[in-house]
Amino acid sequence: MIKVAVSPTLSHLKEFLLDEGMRVVDLDDKAINREGEGITAIVVSGTDVNFLGMQNISAAVPVINAHGLTDEEISAEIKRRGRLA
């Protein structure tokens, strides 16, 4: 199952991804520390400038900027990147 951490500001996307059969967790430091293992991708909004309060976050999974993308495009990108992992 694809597991995605999504910015709290993207509630519409969370619902869409759940309907697509993905497991969705809120993107916050607790979720990353507690549930980070197995995350396929992280989705942030275009307004997430200082992501999780850190200036230089390093993630072992793809970080997708949702700005300007439709829910369908984001879902397709998550699935594509999940196959590459």
C-alpha atoms as a PDB file:
ATOM      1  CA  MET A   1       0.000   0.000   0.000  1.00  0.00           C
ATOM      2  CA  ILE A   2       1.206   3.475  -0.860  1.00  0.00           C
ATOM      3  CA  LYS A   3       1.670   5.668   2.203  1.00  0.00           C
ATOM      4  CA  VAL A   4       1.835   9.447   1.767  1.00  0.00           C
ATOM      5  CA  ALA A   5       2.551  12.261   4.224  1.00  0.00           C
ATOM      6  CA  VAL A   6       0.485  15.305   3.226  1.00  0.00           C
ATOM      7  CA  SER A   7       0.670  18.911   4.401  1.00  0.00           C
ATOM      8  CA  PRO A   8      -2.245  19.788   6.716  1.00  0.00           C
ATOM      9  CA  THR A   9      -3.260  22.606   4.346  1.00  0.00           C
ATOM     10  CA  LEU A  10      -4.126  20.098   1.597  1.00  0.00           C
ATOM     11  CA  SER A  11      -7.265  18.552   3.120  1.00  0.00           C
ATOM     12  CA  HIS A  12      -8.963  18.150  -0.283  1.00  0.00           C
ATOM     13  CA  LEU A  13      -5.971  16.158  -1.509  1.00  0.00           C
ATOM     14  CA  LYS A  14      -6.016  13.907   1.550  1.00  0.00           C
ATOM     15  CA  GLU A  15      -9.607  12.927   0.791  1.00  0.00           C
ATOM     16  CA  PHE A  16      -8.771  12.291  -2.872  1.00  0.00           C
ATOM     17  CA  LEU A  17      -5.766  10.102  -2.064  1.00  0.00           C
ATOM     18  CA  LEU A  18      -7.781   8.106   0.473  1.00  0.00           C
ATOM     19  CA  ASP A  19     -10.376   7.488  -2.243  1.00  0.00           C
ATOM     20  CA  GLU A  20      -7.510   6.321  -4.482  1.00  0.00           C
ATOM     21  CA  GLY A  21      -6.680   3.641  -1.886  1.00  0.00           C
ATOM     22  CA  MET A  22      -3.594   5.278  -0.401  1.00  0.00           C
ATOM     23  CA  ARG A  23      -2.785   5.539   3.283  1.00  0.00           C
ATOM     24  CA  VAL A  24      -2.493   9.213   4.228  1.00  0.00           C
ATOM     25  CA  VAL A  25      -0.780  10.650   7.306  1.00  0.00           C
ATOM     26  CA  ASP A  26      -0.508  14.279   8.329  1.00  0.00           C
ATOM     27  CA  LEU A  27       2.816  15.853   7.564  1.00  0.00           C
ATOM     28  CA  ASP A  28       4.321  16.909  10.859  1.00  0.00           C
ATOM     29  CA  ASP A  29       7.450  16.049  12.763  1.00  0.00           C
ATOM     30  CA  LYS A  30       5.633  13.464  14.909  1.00  0.00           C
ATOM     31  CA  ALA A  31       4.270  11.623  11.871  1.00  0.00           C
ATOM     32  CA  ILE A  32       7.643  11.593  10.166  1.00  0.00           C
ATOM     33  CA  ASN A  33       9.413  10.329  13.293  1.00  0.00           C
ATOM     34  CA  ARG A  34       6.704   7.814  14.221  1.00  0.00           C
ATOM     35  CA  GLU A  35       5.503   6.705  10.805  1.00  0.00           C
ATOM     36  CA  GLY A  36       8.276   7.814   8.473  1.00  0.00           C
ATOM     37  CA  GLU A  37       9.289   4.307   7.598  1.00  0.00           C
ATOM     38  CA  GLY A  38       7.361   3.159   4.590  1.00  0.00           C
ATOM     39  CA  ILE A  39       6.338   6.594   3.348  1.00  0.00           C
ATOM     40  CA  THR A  40       6.314   6.632  -0.454  1.00  0.00           C
ATOM     41  CA  ALA A  41       6.193  10.411  -0.863  1.00  0.00           C
ATOM     42  CA  ILE A  42       5.708  13.700   0.942  1.00  0.00           C
ATOM     43  CA  VAL A  43       3.316  16.257  -0.553  1.00  0.00           C
ATOM     44  CA  VAL A  44       3.664  19.915   0.398  1.00  0.00           C
ATOM     45  CA  SER A  45       1.683  22.950  -0.662  1.00  0.00           C
ATOM     46  CA  GLY A  46       3.367  25.780  -2.511  1.00  0.00           C
ATOM     47  CA  THR A  47       3.113  27.856   0.671  1.00  0.00           C
ATOM     48  CA  ASP A  48       5.185  25.428   2.745  1.00  0.00           C
ATOM     49  CA  VAL A  49       8.309  27.551   2.677  1.00  0.00           C
ATOM     50  CA  ASN A  50       9.851  26.565   5.983  1.00  0.00           C
ATOM     51  CA  PHE A  51       8.791  22.928   5.916  1.00  0.00           C
ATOM     52  CA  LEU A  52       8.365  21.481   9.457  1.00  0.00           C
ATOM     53  CA  GLY A  53      10.180  24.480  10.910  1.00  0.00           C
ATOM     54  CA  MET A  54      13.469  23.392   9.378  1.00  0.00           C
ATOM     55  CA  GLN A  55      15.480  25.355   6.882  1.00  0.00           C
ATOM     56  CA  ASN A  56      17.148  22.400   5.182  1.00  0.00           C
ATOM     57  CA  ILE A  57      15.089  19.250   5.474  1.00  0.00           C
ATOM     58  CA  SER A  58      16.475  16.087   4.056  1.00  0.00           C
ATOM     59  CA  ALA A  59      14.061  13.369   3.058  1.00  0.00           C
ATOM     60  CA  ALA A  60      14.808   9.882   1.825  1.00  0.00           C
ATOM     61  CA  VAL A  61      11.568   9.959  -0.190  1.00  0.00           C
ATOM     62  CA  PRO A  62      10.376  12.267  -2.973  1.00  0.00           C
ATOM     63  CA  VAL A  63       8.922  15.606  -1.927  1.00  0.00           C
ATOM     64  CA  ILE A  64       6.185  16.736  -4.322  1.00  0.00           C
ATOM     65  CA  ASN A  65       5.184  20.401  -4.481  1.00  0.00           C
ATOM     66  CA  ALA A  66       1.417  20.444  -5.065  1.00  0.00           C
ATOM     67  CA  HIS A  67       1.377  24.049  -6.275  1.00  0.00           C
ATOM     68  CA  GLY A  68      -0.265  24.240  -9.698  1.00  0.00           C
ATOM     69  CA  LEU A  69      -1.024  20.504  -9.901  1.00  0.00           C
ATOM     70  CA  THR A  70      -4.425  18.833  -9.896  1.00  0.00           C
ATOM     71  CA  ASP A  71      -5.222  16.067  -7.427  1.00  0.00           C
ATOM     72  CA  GLU A  72      -5.071  13.603 -10.329  1.00  0.00           C
ATOM     73  CA  GLU A  73      -1.602  14.814 -11.372  1.00  0.00           C
ATOM     74  CA  ILE A  74      -0.321  14.517  -7.805  1.00  0.00           C
ATOM     75  CA  SER A  75      -1.740  11.002  -7.471  1.00  0.00           C
ATOM     76  CA  ALA A  76      -0.135   9.953 -10.755  1.00  0.00           C
ATOM     77  CA  GLU A  77       3.227  11.380  -9.658  1.00  0.00           C
ATOM     78  CA  ILE A  78       3.045   9.552  -6.310  1.00  0.00           C
ATOM     79  CA  LYS A  79       2.283   6.282  -8.080  1.00  0.00           C
ATOM     80  CA  ARG A  80       5.062   6.833 -10.645  1.00  0.00           C
ATOM     81  CA  ARG A  81       7.628   7.600  -7.974  1.00  0.00           C
ATOM     82  CA  GLY A  82       6.417   4.670  -5.891  1.00  0.00           C
ATOM     83  CA  ARG A  83       7.224   2.316  -8.761  1.00  0.00           C
ATOM     84  CA  LEU A  84      10.734   3.786  -9.022  1.00  0.00           C
ATOM     85  CA  ALA A  85      11.525   3.172  -5.365  1.00  0.00           C
END
